[in-house]
Amino acid sequence: MAGGAREVLTLQLGHFAGFVGAHWWNQQDAALREPTDTQEPPGELCPDVLFRAGRTLHGQETYTPRLILMDLKGSLSSLKQESGLYRDKQLDAAIAWQGKLTTHKEELHPKNPYLQDLLSVEGVLSSDGLWRVKSISNGKGLTPLTTAATPEPLVPTEGSIRVWSDFLRVHLHPRSICMIHKYNHDGEAGRLEAFGQGESVLKEPRYLEELEDRLHFYVEECDYLQGFQILCDLHDGFSGVGAKAAELLRDEYSGRGIITWGLLPGPYALGEPQKNIYRLLNTAFGLVHLSAHSSLVCPLSLGGSLGLRPEPPVNFPHLRYDATLPFHCSAILATALDTITVPYRLYSSPLPMVHLADMLNFSGKKVVTAGASIPFPLGPSQSLPDTLMQLGGATPWTPLSACGDPSGTHCFAQSVVLRGLDKACHTSQLIPGTPLPSLLHACTTGEEVLAQYLQQQQPRARSSSHLLLTPCKVVPPYPCLFSSSLSQQGLVLDNPPTGAGESIPVLGALCSSSSLNRTLGDLAKELTKLNLRRWASFMDAGVEQDDLGELLQELCSLAQCYQHGDSLMD
């Protein structure tokens, strides 16, 4: 790996995790495709942390995500499990039989129109079965999407998106996709609904061996593996798959960081009692088991609550999104993820996953919350001190962990990243001699401004902060979510021009918060009220009555870790 990158292997487990992952990889790809004459600073984020260089059997260089993903039968649509990048008709299995041959061919899913257009931009599959990629302009990955020949951005319509592979623009390695064929993605029968079912998947030798084989393939080629990040659905049986995967990683790769992002889709309907009860049970079992095996666990959701009572989705002042569309919700969560994972992806002075987890998870606090300001609301004539001062004592980010309003809660430790602001905006631009509106205006660097602000907001919290010039990319197929009050750079304007921007500033945070005391405690209370005889099917899937008793005890113990007053400074 160039420059001794500290590699990370990503596991994507579940279909909503696939949506979030597709947006995440598209955003990484957009950053790689930045033209070489760009005005944006090079070298802040190291792509080799997430991507691997390779070569096809025909000598073509590739640059693909270091990724293992698991999903169900019928979830790939037109995407082939072995990927298209390494396809070669010449190496298909040879047929020795010389007699009459009958071929049975399964009807293919039609390719999403967006992907058809994308393929015509990037290359062609020639008659000899080889994928011919157009020239590479920046030395990484495939040719940029926006070229002189394709001036109009290719934007998929919301109605055309059924599955995550409908908008994934990144080519995957043949070792990336692992399908669970015993369960169906579509239909009412054969669904992976319960935690116990998910655990059982990785108890079966064929799936366990397939996962272990792919892990060994990726890990053995790493020089400085720092750890694993798991994107895992919490609401269905993939919570059990994630728990077993995290247990395997802990046992096989002791000492490596394991950071798990527990994903929950948008709001749910009260008219689906079994689905909601299963969601509650899967979330509770998932959080407890994942926290036991991971260095750090963070639930990510645009919902207002983890419990049975539906709460309205969170609001972003400058976003217009449909909370019922996974395509929208996953884009927002991926943008937050792209920012809060910055510390362990830096070129210079990265904070390794293990150290980030150690900073946040002291005293048993392995569950953290996330928040983000998307975009960070800086006006074109404002400085960072101006904007932070205007926020006053309000929490500067929107909560993204379904733990309710964070106002009035206590923060024990936090990791905060602000990215995408021009350096000229980092400090006050007041004329010398002008009275300073706040202490922030006296700071001489942007890093000092951010650190001072966090100290003022949570004076007793352990804080780590990073300030980057590199913005977050939101080019197609990212959905059009931003209000018309934003500039091309994501700044808040009074008289905005028409057209969507390509990048935005984002503020993201991970926080060990006292709000988890209430959230986890309420989750335990709701579980005690359940009449499990009505939901025997969940227990039949592999969970015992004693398991539920242990779950309640562990949830309560975990909640007690976040009682206010338990901080480093007490």
Protein backbone atom coordinates (compact mmCIF):
# COMPACT_ATOMS: atom_id res chain seq x y z
CA MET A 1 0.00 0.00 0.00
CA ALA A 2 1.27 3.44 -0.95
CA GLY A 3 2.55 5.49 1.95
CA GLY A 4 1.96 2.72 4.48
CA ALA A 5 -1.82 3.20 4.59
CA ARG A 6 -3.56 1.68 7.61
CA GLU A 7 -6.06 -0.50 5.75
CA VAL A 8 -9.69 -1.05 6.76
CA LEU A 9 -11.85 -3.95 5.57
CA THR A 10 -15.55 -3.10 5.26
CA LEU A 11 -18.38 -5.61 5.80
CA GLN A 12 -21.86 -4.69 4.51
CA LEU A 13 -24.56 -6.93 5.96
CA GLY A 14 -28.14 -6.48 4.81
CA HIS A 15 -30.13 -4.64 2.16
CA PHE A 16 -30.42 -1.23 3.81
CA ALA A 17 -26.72 -1.52 4.59
CA GLY A 18 -26.35 -2.05 0.83
CA PHE A 19 -28.16 1.24 0.18
CA VAL A 20 -25.95 3.14 2.62
CA GLY A 21 -22.88 1.37 1.30
CA ALA A 22 -23.72 2.16 -2.34
CA HIS A 23 -23.92 5.88 -1.57
CA TRP A 24 -20.78 5.64 0.59
CA TRP A 25 -18.72 3.99 -2.17
CA ASN A 26 -20.12 6.38 -4.77
CA GLN A 27 -18.94 9.31 -2.64
CA GLN A 28 -15.47 7.78 -2.28
CA ASP A 29 -15.41 7.23 -6.04
CA ALA A 30 -16.46 10.83 -6.72
CA ALA A 31 -13.53 12.06 -4.61
CA LEU A 32 -11.16 9.84 -6.61
CA ARG A 33 -12.49 11.23 -9.89
CA GLU A 34 -11.75 14.83 -8.95
CA PRO A 35 -9.94 16.43 -11.94
CA THR A 36 -6.22 16.94 -11.44
CA ASP A 37 -6.52 20.71 -11.93
CA THR A 38 -9.05 21.07 -9.11
CA GLN A 39 -8.77 23.92 -6.65
CA GLU A 40 -9.49 21.58 -3.75
CA PRO A 41 -6.57 20.42 -1.58
CA PRO A 42 -5.03 17.03 -2.33
CA GLY A 43 -3.93 14.45 0.15
CA GLU A 44 -6.10 14.95 3.25
CA LEU A 45 -7.90 11.59 2.97
CA CYS A 46 -6.09 8.40 1.98
CA PRO A 47 -8.20 6.26 -0.42
CA ASP A 48 -5.89 3.27 0.08
CA VAL A 49 -7.43 2.85 3.53
CA LEU A 50 -10.67 1.68 1.89
CA PHE A 51 -9.63 0.60 -1.62
CA ARG A 52 -7.27 -2.05 -2.94
CA ALA A 53 -5.20 -2.02 -6.12
CA GLY A 54 -5.37 -5.11 -8.30
CA ARG A 55 -4.96 -6.40 -11.82
CA THR A 56 -7.18 -8.53 -14.04
CA LEU A 57 -5.87 -11.65 -15.77
CA HIS A 58 -5.38 -9.49 -18.86
CA GLY A 59 -3.17 -7.00 -17.04
CA GLN A 60 -5.70 -4.22 -16.61
CA GLU A 61 -5.17 -2.27 -13.38
CA THR A 62 -8.16 -2.05 -11.03
CA TYR A 63 -8.94 -0.12 -7.88
CA THR A 64 -11.85 -1.64 -6.01
CA PRO A 65 -13.35 -1.39 -2.50
CA ARG A 66 -11.86 -3.66 0.15
CA LEU A 67 -15.34 -4.99 0.79
CA ILE A 68 -17.34 -8.08 1.72
CA LEU A 69 -21.10 -7.72 1.42
CA MET A 70 -23.85 -10.18 2.26
CA ASP A 71 -27.41 -9.97 0.99
CA LEU A 72 -30.30 -12.26 0.13
CA LYS A 73 -31.35 -14.12 -2.98
CA GLY A 74 -32.98 -11.75 -5.46
CA SER A 75 -31.37 -8.57 -4.11
CA LEU A 76 -28.79 -7.92 -6.82
CA SER A 77 -31.12 -7.12 -9.74
CA SER A 78 -28.87 -6.81 -12.82
CA LEU A 79 -25.59 -6.86 -10.84
CA LYS A 80 -23.67 -10.11 -11.24
CA GLN A 81 -22.37 -11.76 -8.07
CA GLU A 82 -18.92 -12.18 -9.64
CA SER A 83 -18.89 -8.48 -10.76
CA GLY A 84 -18.49 -7.25 -14.33
CA LEU A 85 -15.00 -5.81 -14.05
CA TYR A 86 -13.22 -9.17 -14.26
CA ARG A 87 -15.59 -10.78 -16.76
CA ASP A 88 -13.89 -12.86 -19.44
CA LYS A 89 -15.71 -15.12 -21.87
CA GLN A 90 -12.42 -16.70 -22.87
CA LEU A 91 -11.99 -18.16 -19.39
CA ASP A 92 -15.50 -19.60 -19.09
CA ALA A 93 -15.62 -23.26 -18.20
CA ALA A 94 -14.68 -25.34 -21.19
CA ILE A 95 -17.20 -27.94 -22.35
CA ALA A 96 -15.67 -31.28 -23.34
CA TRP A 97 -18.97 -32.85 -24.43
CA GLN A 98 -19.20 -32.97 -28.25
CA GLY A 99 -22.80 -34.13 -28.55
CA LYS A 100 -26.06 -32.23 -28.54
CA LEU A 101 -26.13 -29.45 -25.95
CA THR A 102 -29.16 -27.72 -24.44
CA THR A 103 -28.62 -24.44 -22.60
CA HIS A 104 -31.03 -23.23 -19.92
CA LYS A 105 -30.54 -19.53 -19.28
CA GLU A 106 -32.25 -17.59 -16.50
CA GLU A 107 -33.90 -14.37 -17.68
CA LEU A 108 -31.82 -11.39 -16.59
CA HIS A 109 -33.16 -8.40 -14.72
CA PRO A 110 -33.21 -5.31 -16.94
CA LYS A 111 -30.37 -2.96 -16.09
CA ASN A 112 -31.38 0.36 -14.55
CA PRO A 113 -31.34 3.11 -17.26
CA TYR A 114 -28.89 5.10 -15.12
CA LEU A 115 -26.40 2.22 -15.14
CA GLN A 116 -26.85 1.72 -18.89
CA ASP A 117 -25.87 5.35 -19.46
CA LEU A 118 -23.00 5.02 -16.98
CA LEU A 119 -21.54 1.99 -18.74
CA SER A 120 -21.61 3.80 -22.09
CA VAL A 121 -19.62 6.61 -20.49
CA GLU A 122 -16.99 4.43 -18.85
CA GLY A 123 -16.33 1.74 -21.42
CA VAL A 124 -17.69 -1.15 -23.45
CA LEU A 125 -17.87 -4.91 -23.23
CA SER A 126 -16.27 -6.00 -26.49
CA SER A 127 -17.16 -9.03 -28.59
CA ASP A 128 -14.23 -10.99 -27.15
CA GLY A 129 -15.72 -10.69 -23.68
CA LEU A 130 -13.19 -8.18 -22.35
CA TRP A 131 -14.21 -5.02 -20.55
CA ARG A 132 -12.54 -2.08 -22.29
CA VAL A 133 -12.24 0.85 -19.91
CA LYS A 134 -11.71 4.35 -21.23
CA SER A 135 -8.49 6.11 -20.36
CA ILE A 136 -7.79 6.89 -16.71
CA SER A 137 -7.10 10.57 -16.09
CA ASN A 138 -6.11 10.59 -12.44
CA GLY A 139 -4.32 7.30 -11.85
CA LYS A 140 -7.03 5.87 -9.59
CA GLY A 141 -10.13 3.95 -10.53
CA LEU A 142 -12.04 4.42 -13.76
CA THR A 143 -12.50 7.45 -15.95
CA PRO A 144 -14.37 10.43 -14.44
CA LEU A 145 -18.13 10.41 -14.95
CA THR A 146 -18.29 14.00 -16.14
CA THR A 147 -16.26 14.47 -19.31
CA ALA A 148 -16.37 16.72 -22.35
CA ALA A 149 -18.42 14.06 -24.14
CA THR A 150 -20.99 13.84 -21.32
CA PRO A 151 -21.69 17.39 -20.13
CA GLU A 152 -24.99 16.52 -18.46
CA PRO A 153 -24.83 14.63 -15.14
CA LEU A 154 -26.52 11.25 -15.12
CA VAL A 155 -29.19 11.29 -12.44
CA PRO A 156 -31.29 8.20 -11.60
CA THR A 157 -34.94 8.86 -10.85
CA GLU A 158 -36.31 7.81 -7.45
CA GLY A 159 -38.89 5.61 -9.18
CA SER A 160 -36.19 3.64 -10.97
CA ILE A 161 -34.43 2.63 -7.75
CA ARG A 162 -35.62 -0.73 -6.40
CA VAL A 163 -32.41 -2.13 -4.92
CA TRP A 164 -29.03 -0.67 -4.00
CA SER A 165 -27.31 -2.11 -7.07
CA ASP A 166 -29.54 0.11 -9.24
CA PHE A 167 -27.34 3.10 -8.42
CA LEU A 168 -23.98 1.64 -7.40
CA ARG A 169 -21.46 3.15 -9.82
CA VAL A 170 -18.37 1.46 -8.35
CA HIS A 171 -17.03 -1.80 -9.78
CA LEU A 172 -16.62 -4.54 -7.15
CA HIS A 173 -14.05 -7.31 -6.86
CA PRO A 174 -15.37 -10.84 -7.54
CA ARG A 175 -14.64 -11.73 -3.88
CA SER A 176 -16.90 -8.97 -2.56
CA ILE A 177 -20.43 -10.35 -2.95
CA CYS A 178 -21.60 -13.23 -0.78
CA MET A 179 -25.22 -14.27 -1.31
CA ILE A 180 -27.40 -16.00 1.30
CA HIS A 181 -29.50 -18.21 -0.97
CA LYS A 182 -31.61 -19.84 1.74
CA TYR A 183 -33.58 -16.61 2.31
CA ASN A 184 -35.44 -14.37 -0.13
CA HIS A 185 -35.22 -10.63 -0.59
CA ASP A 186 -38.70 -10.37 -2.16
CA GLY A 187 -42.01 -11.92 -1.20
CA GLU A 188 -43.59 -12.86 2.10
CA ALA A 189 -42.10 -16.33 2.47
CA GLY A 190 -38.54 -17.32 3.26
CA ARG A 191 -37.53 -13.99 4.79
CA LEU A 192 -34.61 -13.36 7.16
CA GLU A 193 -36.74 -11.74 9.88
CA ALA A 194 -35.32 -12.69 13.26
CA PHE A 195 -32.02 -12.34 15.14
CA GLY A 196 -31.80 -16.09 15.76
CA GLN A 197 -32.13 -16.83 12.04
CA GLY A 198 -29.23 -14.48 11.33
CA GLU A 199 -27.01 -16.11 13.94
CA SER A 200 -27.81 -19.52 12.45
CA VAL A 201 -26.65 -18.41 8.99
CA LEU A 202 -23.04 -18.09 10.15
CA LYS A 203 -23.29 -21.35 12.08
CA GLU A 204 -23.77 -23.18 8.79
CA PRO A 205 -20.40 -24.39 7.45
CA ARG A 206 -21.00 -23.24 3.85
CA TYR A 207 -21.66 -19.62 4.78
CA LEU A 208 -19.08 -19.51 7.57
CA GLU A 209 -16.38 -20.96 5.32
CA GLU A 210 -17.28 -18.58 2.50
CA LEU A 211 -16.98 -15.58 4.83
CA GLU A 212 -13.71 -16.85 6.33
CA ASP A 213 -12.27 -17.44 2.85
CA ARG A 214 -13.06 -13.87 1.77
CA LEU A 215 -11.71 -12.44 5.02
CA HIS A 216 -8.42 -14.29 4.55
CA PHE A 217 -8.17 -13.13 0.94
CA TYR A 218 -8.43 -9.44 1.86
CA VAL A 219 -6.60 -9.52 5.19
CA GLU A 220 -3.56 -11.43 3.94
CA GLU A 221 -2.80 -8.81 1.29
CA CYS A 222 -2.86 -5.96 3.86
CA ASP A 223 0.41 -4.60 5.24
CA TYR A 224 -0.97 -2.52 8.11
CA LEU A 225 -4.55 -3.66 8.76
CA GLN A 226 -6.02 -1.38 11.43
CA GLY A 227 -9.39 -3.05 11.62
CA PHE A 228 -12.89 -3.62 10.32
CA GLN A 229 -15.96 -1.45 9.89
CA ILE A 230 -19.29 -3.27 9.79
CA LEU A 231 -22.38 -1.72 8.20
CA CYS A 232 -25.16 -3.90 9.53
CA ASP A 233 -28.97 -3.80 9.38
CA LEU A 234 -30.32 -3.79 12.94
CA HIS A 235 -34.05 -4.13 12.23
CA ASP A 236 -34.11 -7.63 10.73
CA GLY A 237 -32.25 -10.94 10.90
CA PHE A 238 -29.03 -9.35 9.71
CA SER A 239 -28.57 -8.10 13.28
CA GLY A 240 -27.81 -11.74 14.11
CA VAL A 241 -25.52 -12.09 11.09
CA GLY A 242 -23.66 -8.98 12.24
CA ALA A 243 -23.32 -10.25 15.80
CA LYS A 244 -21.80 -13.55 14.63
CA ALA A 245 -19.53 -11.75 12.14
CA ALA A 246 -18.26 -9.39 14.86
CA GLU A 247 -17.65 -12.37 17.16
CA LEU A 248 -15.65 -14.08 14.41
CA LEU A 249 -13.56 -10.97 13.79
CA ARG A 250 -12.85 -10.53 17.50
CA ASP A 251 -11.74 -14.15 17.85
CA GLU A 252 -9.70 -14.33 14.62
CA TYR A 253 -8.15 -10.85 14.56
CA SER A 254 -7.60 -9.92 18.18
CA GLY A 255 -6.22 -6.43 18.69
CA ARG A 256 -7.78 -4.96 15.53
CA GLY A 257 -10.44 -2.29 15.73
CA ILE A 258 -14.05 -3.32 15.04
CA ILE A 259 -16.44 -0.39 14.60
CA THR A 260 -20.04 -1.35 13.87
CA TRP A 261 -22.62 0.97 12.34
CA GLY A 262 -26.09 -0.41 13.16
CA LEU A 263 -28.44 0.80 10.43
CA LEU A 264 -32.19 1.32 10.65
CA PRO A 265 -34.34 2.52 7.71
CA GLY A 266 -36.91 5.32 7.84
CA PRO A 267 -40.19 5.55 9.78
CA TYR A 268 -42.41 2.54 10.30
CA ALA A 269 -46.19 2.02 10.31
CA LEU A 270 -48.25 1.14 13.37
CA GLY A 271 -50.38 -1.19 11.27
CA GLU A 272 -47.63 -3.83 11.09
CA PRO A 273 -47.41 -5.17 14.68
CA GLN A 274 -45.30 -8.28 13.97
CA LYS A 275 -42.81 -6.29 11.90
CA ASN A 276 -42.51 -3.66 14.65
CA ILE A 277 -42.10 -6.19 17.47
CA TYR A 278 -39.45 -8.02 15.47
CA ARG A 279 -37.70 -4.71 14.78
CA LEU A 280 -37.65 -3.93 18.51
CA LEU A 281 -36.31 -7.37 19.45
CA ASN A 282 -33.73 -7.46 16.63
CA THR A 283 -32.48 -3.98 17.54
CA ALA A 284 -32.13 -4.86 21.22
CA PHE A 285 -30.39 -8.20 20.61
CA GLY A 286 -28.21 -6.60 17.95
CA LEU A 287 -27.03 -3.69 20.11
CA VAL A 288 -26.20 -5.92 23.08
CA HIS A 289 -24.37 -8.64 21.12
CA LEU A 290 -22.59 -6.23 18.77
CA SER A 291 -21.37 -4.14 21.69
CA ALA A 292 -20.00 -7.30 23.32
CA HIS A 293 -17.86 -8.14 20.28
CA SER A 294 -17.08 -4.71 18.77
CA SER A 295 -14.74 -1.94 19.84
CA LEU A 296 -17.54 0.57 19.27
CA VAL A 297 -21.20 0.42 18.13
CA CYS A 298 -23.20 3.33 16.75
CA PRO A 299 -26.88 3.07 15.70
CA LEU A 300 -27.65 5.21 12.64
CA SER A 301 -31.20 6.20 11.75
CA LEU A 302 -33.28 9.18 10.65
CA GLY A 303 -36.07 8.00 12.96
CA GLY A 304 -36.83 9.71 16.23
CA SER A 305 -36.92 6.61 18.43
CA LEU A 306 -35.73 3.00 18.72
CA GLY A 307 -38.92 1.99 20.53
CA LEU A 308 -42.42 0.96 19.45
CA ARG A 309 -43.93 4.44 19.55
CA PRO A 310 -43.33 6.03 16.14
CA GLU A 311 -41.66 9.43 16.23
CA PRO A 312 -41.35 11.81 13.27
CA PRO A 313 -38.10 11.62 11.30
CA VAL A 314 -35.38 14.14 12.05
CA ASN A 315 -35.33 17.48 10.26
CA PHE A 316 -32.49 19.16 8.39
CA PRO A 317 -33.08 22.87 7.69
CA HIS A 318 -31.56 22.72 4.19
CA LEU A 319 -32.61 19.21 3.10
CA ARG A 320 -35.86 18.14 1.49
CA TYR A 321 -36.03 14.37 1.73
CA ASP A 322 -38.67 11.65 1.70
CA ALA A 323 -38.18 9.53 4.83
CA THR A 324 -40.06 6.62 3.24
CA LEU A 325 -37.45 6.25 0.48
CA PRO A 326 -34.36 4.18 1.36
CA PHE A 327 -32.60 5.95 -1.54
CA HIS A 328 -32.96 9.27 0.32
CA CYS A 329 -32.40 8.11 3.90
CA SER A 330 -29.32 6.10 3.01
CA ALA A 331 -27.77 9.05 1.16
CA ILE A 332 -27.99 11.23 4.28
CA LEU A 333 -26.59 8.51 6.55
CA ALA A 334 -23.75 7.80 4.08
CA THR A 335 -22.85 11.51 4.06
CA ALA A 336 -22.67 11.50 7.85
CA LEU A 337 -20.63 8.28 7.77
CA ASP A 338 -18.23 9.76 5.22
CA THR A 339 -17.50 12.55 7.71
CA ILE A 340 -17.42 10.82 11.11
CA THR A 341 -15.04 8.14 9.81
CA VAL A 342 -12.48 10.78 8.73
CA PRO A 343 -10.14 10.36 11.77
CA TYR A 344 -8.97 6.87 10.77
CA ARG A 345 -8.81 7.66 7.03
CA LEU A 346 -6.41 10.62 7.14
CA TYR A 347 -3.13 10.70 5.23
CA SER A 348 -1.40 12.71 7.93
CA SER A 349 -1.60 11.82 11.64
CA PRO A 350 -4.59 9.47 11.43
CA LEU A 351 -6.32 8.37 14.61
CA PRO A 352 -6.43 4.56 14.36
CA MET A 353 -9.76 2.84 14.86
CA VAL A 354 -8.60 1.28 18.12
CA HIS A 355 -7.55 4.65 19.54
CA LEU A 356 -10.78 6.34 18.41
CA ALA A 357 -12.77 3.59 20.12
CA ASP A 358 -10.66 3.79 23.29
CA MET A 359 -11.28 7.53 23.51
CA LEU A 360 -15.05 7.09 23.29
CA ASN A 361 -15.79 3.77 25.03
CA PHE A 362 -14.19 4.16 28.48
CA SER A 363 -16.01 2.66 31.48
CA GLY A 364 -17.95 0.21 29.33
CA LYS A 365 -19.56 2.84 27.12
CA LYS A 366 -19.26 0.89 23.87
CA VAL A 367 -22.41 2.40 22.31
CA VAL A 368 -22.15 5.94 20.95
CA THR A 369 -24.49 8.32 19.17
CA ALA A 370 -23.93 10.16 15.90
CA GLY A 371 -25.00 13.56 14.66
CA ALA A 372 -24.40 15.72 11.60
CA SER A 373 -25.09 19.14 10.18
CA ILE A 374 -25.76 18.52 6.46
CA PRO A 375 -24.75 20.94 5.10
CA PHE A 376 -22.94 23.02 7.72
CA PRO A 377 -24.84 26.36 7.56
CA LEU A 378 -22.08 28.84 6.70
CA GLY A 379 -23.12 31.94 4.79
CA PRO A 380 -20.83 33.30 2.02
CA SER A 381 -19.93 36.40 4.04
CA GLN A 382 -19.55 34.57 7.36
CA SER A 383 -16.59 33.12 9.20
CA LEU A 384 -16.60 29.92 11.25
CA PRO A 385 -16.64 31.92 14.54
CA ASP A 386 -19.69 33.88 13.27
CA THR A 387 -21.66 30.73 12.49
CA LEU A 388 -20.78 28.92 15.73
CA MET A 389 -21.63 32.00 17.79
CA GLN A 390 -25.05 32.23 16.09
CA LEU A 391 -25.80 28.68 17.19
CA GLY A 392 -25.54 29.78 20.82
CA GLY A 393 -25.99 26.88 23.22
CA ALA A 394 -27.99 24.77 20.76
CA THR A 395 -26.58 21.42 19.65
CA PRO A 396 -24.87 22.18 16.32
CA TRP A 397 -25.84 18.89 14.66
CA THR A 398 -29.00 16.89 13.95
CA PRO A 399 -29.13 13.60 15.94
CA LEU A 400 -28.81 10.46 13.81
CA SER A 401 -29.07 7.62 16.35
CA ALA A 402 -32.81 7.65 17.16
CA CYS A 403 -32.09 8.71 20.74
CA GLY A 404 -34.38 11.73 20.86
CA ASP A 405 -33.56 15.39 21.38
CA PRO A 406 -29.99 15.75 22.69
CA SER A 407 -30.71 19.10 24.36
CA GLY A 408 -29.76 19.06 28.03
CA THR A 409 -27.88 15.77 27.81
CA HIS A 410 -24.32 15.31 29.04
CA CYS A 411 -21.45 14.34 26.76
CA PHE A 412 -18.70 12.16 28.24
CA ALA A 413 -16.47 12.07 25.15
CA GLN A 414 -16.79 13.17 21.55
CA SER A 415 -15.05 13.05 18.18
CA VAL A 416 -16.01 15.95 15.89
CA VAL A 417 -15.10 16.55 12.24
CA LEU A 418 -15.78 19.71 10.25
CA ARG A 419 -14.95 19.58 6.55
CA GLY A 420 -15.36 21.62 3.40
CA LEU A 421 -14.83 25.22 4.58
CA ASP A 422 -12.46 27.49 2.69
CA LYS A 423 -9.44 28.35 4.82
CA ALA A 424 -10.26 32.04 4.59
CA CYS A 425 -13.46 31.34 6.57
CA HIS A 426 -11.75 29.52 9.43
CA THR A 427 -11.01 32.58 11.54
CA SER A 428 -12.54 35.99 12.10
CA GLN A 429 -12.08 38.58 9.35
CA LEU A 430 -12.87 41.59 11.55
CA ILE A 431 -10.96 44.82 10.98
CA PRO A 432 -8.22 45.26 13.60
CA GLY A 433 -9.50 47.28 16.52
CA THR A 434 -13.08 46.04 16.17
CA PRO A 435 -14.47 44.71 19.48
CA LEU A 436 -14.52 40.90 19.42
CA PRO A 437 -18.06 39.44 19.56
CA SER A 438 -16.80 36.27 21.29
CA LEU A 439 -13.70 34.41 22.40
CA LEU A 440 -13.94 32.37 19.21
CA HIS A 441 -13.16 35.49 17.20
CA ALA A 442 -9.81 35.79 19.00
CA CYS A 443 -8.59 32.37 17.82
CA THR A 444 -5.83 32.37 15.23
CA THR A 445 -6.55 29.03 13.50
CA GLY A 446 -9.67 27.14 12.52
CA GLU A 447 -8.58 24.17 14.61
CA GLU A 448 -8.38 26.44 17.64
CA VAL A 449 -11.84 27.85 16.88
CA LEU A 450 -13.43 24.39 16.73
CA ALA A 451 -11.63 23.11 19.83
CA GLN A 452 -12.56 26.24 21.81
CA TYR A 453 -16.20 25.95 20.77
CA LEU A 454 -16.40 22.29 21.83
CA GLN A 455 -14.78 23.16 25.15
CA GLN A 456 -17.41 25.85 25.74
CA GLN A 457 -20.28 23.51 24.84
CA GLN A 458 -19.14 20.48 26.87
CA PRO A 459 -16.41 21.66 29.26
CA ARG A 460 -16.09 18.29 31.05
CA ALA A 461 -16.02 16.07 27.96
CA ARG A 462 -12.97 14.50 26.42
CA SER A 463 -12.92 15.94 22.88
CA SER A 464 -11.08 15.20 19.67
CA SER A 465 -11.62 17.46 16.65
CA HIS A 466 -10.48 17.55 13.04
CA LEU A 467 -10.84 20.36 10.50
CA LEU A 468 -10.50 19.50 6.81
CA LEU A 469 -10.61 21.60 3.67
CA THR A 470 -11.93 18.66 1.62
CA PRO A 471 -15.75 18.84 1.23
CA CYS A 472 -18.17 15.94 0.93
CA LYS A 473 -19.08 15.00 -2.64
CA VAL A 474 -22.78 14.91 -3.58
CA VAL A 475 -22.62 14.37 -7.34
CA PRO A 476 -25.09 12.06 -9.14
CA PRO A 477 -26.33 9.47 -8.44
CA TYR A 478 -26.68 11.26 -5.09
CA PRO A 479 -30.35 12.36 -4.94
CA CYS A 480 -31.38 16.01 -5.28
CA LEU A 481 -32.14 16.73 -1.61
CA PHE A 482 -30.77 20.23 -1.13
CA SER A 483 -32.88 23.35 -0.88
CA SER A 484 -32.50 26.11 -3.46
CA SER A 485 -30.82 28.31 -0.85
CA LEU A 486 -27.45 26.58 -1.34
CA SER A 487 -24.59 27.54 -3.61
CA GLN A 488 -22.55 25.13 -5.75
CA GLN A 489 -20.22 24.75 -2.75
CA GLY A 490 -23.08 24.13 -0.31
CA LEU A 491 -23.00 27.60 1.29
CA VAL A 492 -26.25 29.23 2.44
CA LEU A 493 -27.23 32.07 0.10
CA ASP A 494 -29.78 34.87 0.26
CA ASN A 495 -30.22 34.92 -3.53
CA PRO A 496 -29.23 31.48 -4.75
CA PRO A 497 -28.47 30.60 -8.37
CA THR A 498 -30.20 27.68 -10.08
CA GLY A 499 -28.54 24.27 -10.32
CA ALA A 500 -27.38 21.67 -7.85
CA GLY A 501 -24.01 21.84 -6.13
CA GLU A 502 -21.38 19.13 -6.32
CA SER A 503 -19.93 19.36 -2.81
CA ILE A 504 -21.00 20.53 0.63
CA PRO A 505 -19.42 21.34 3.99
CA VAL A 506 -20.44 18.88 6.71
CA LEU A 507 -20.09 18.81 10.49
CA GLY A 508 -20.21 15.31 11.97
CA ALA A 509 -19.87 13.99 15.50
CA LEU A 510 -19.65 10.78 17.49
CA CYS A 511 -20.61 11.21 21.12
CA SER A 512 -20.73 9.07 24.24
CA SER A 513 -23.87 10.70 25.60
CA SER A 514 -26.10 10.45 28.65
CA SER A 515 -29.05 10.27 26.22
CA LEU A 516 -28.19 6.58 25.89
CA ASN A 517 -29.15 6.05 29.54
CA ARG A 518 -32.74 6.92 28.70
CA THR A 519 -32.76 5.27 25.25
CA LEU A 520 -31.37 1.89 26.35
CA GLY A 521 -33.40 1.96 29.57
CA ASP A 522 -36.63 2.62 27.63
CA LEU A 523 -35.77 -0.20 25.24
CA ALA A 524 -35.49 -2.59 28.20
CA LYS A 525 -38.80 -1.37 29.65
CA GLU A 526 -40.61 -1.96 26.37
CA LEU A 527 -39.23 -5.49 26.16
CA THR A 528 -40.46 -6.35 29.66
CA LYS A 529 -44.00 -5.42 28.58
CA LEU A 530 -44.05 -7.83 25.63
CA ASN A 531 -46.19 -10.94 25.80
CA LEU A 532 -43.73 -13.28 24.12
CA ARG A 533 -46.31 -16.03 23.77
CA ARG A 534 -47.82 -13.91 20.99
CA TRP A 535 -44.45 -13.82 19.23
CA ALA A 536 -43.41 -17.45 19.59
CA SER A 537 -42.20 -17.42 15.98
CA PHE A 538 -39.36 -15.08 16.97
CA MET A 539 -38.31 -17.44 19.75
CA ASP A 540 -38.65 -20.47 17.44
CA ALA A 541 -36.01 -18.90 15.18
CA GLY A 542 -33.31 -19.76 17.71
CA VAL A 543 -33.72 -17.49 20.76
CA GLU A 544 -34.43 -19.07 24.17
CA GLN A 545 -36.43 -17.57 27.04
CA ASP A 546 -33.21 -17.40 29.08
CA ASP A 547 -31.61 -15.40 26.27
CA LEU A 548 -34.27 -12.72 26.67
CA GLY A 549 -33.65 -12.55 30.44
CA GLU A 550 -29.92 -12.08 29.84
CA LEU A 551 -30.69 -9.46 27.20
CA LEU A 552 -32.72 -7.38 29.66
CA GLN A 553 -29.98 -7.57 32.29
CA GLU A 554 -27.30 -6.53 29.81
CA LEU A 555 -29.41 -3.69 28.42
CA CYS A 556 -29.97 -2.32 31.92
CA SER A 557 -26.26 -2.65 32.77
CA LEU A 558 -25.33 -0.89 29.54
CA ALA A 559 -27.83 1.90 30.26
CA GLN A 560 -26.34 2.45 33.73
CA CYS A 561 -22.94 3.19 32.16
CA TYR A 562 -24.42 6.43 30.80
CA GLN A 563 -25.86 7.87 34.00
CA HIS A 564 -25.07 11.57 34.24
CA GLY A 565 -22.17 12.32 36.55
CA ASP A 566 -20.06 9.41 35.31
CA SER A 567 -17.35 11.24 33.37
CA LEU A 568 -13.59 11.35 33.18
CA MET A 569 -13.46 14.53 35.26
CA ASP A 570 -15.68 13.37 38.13
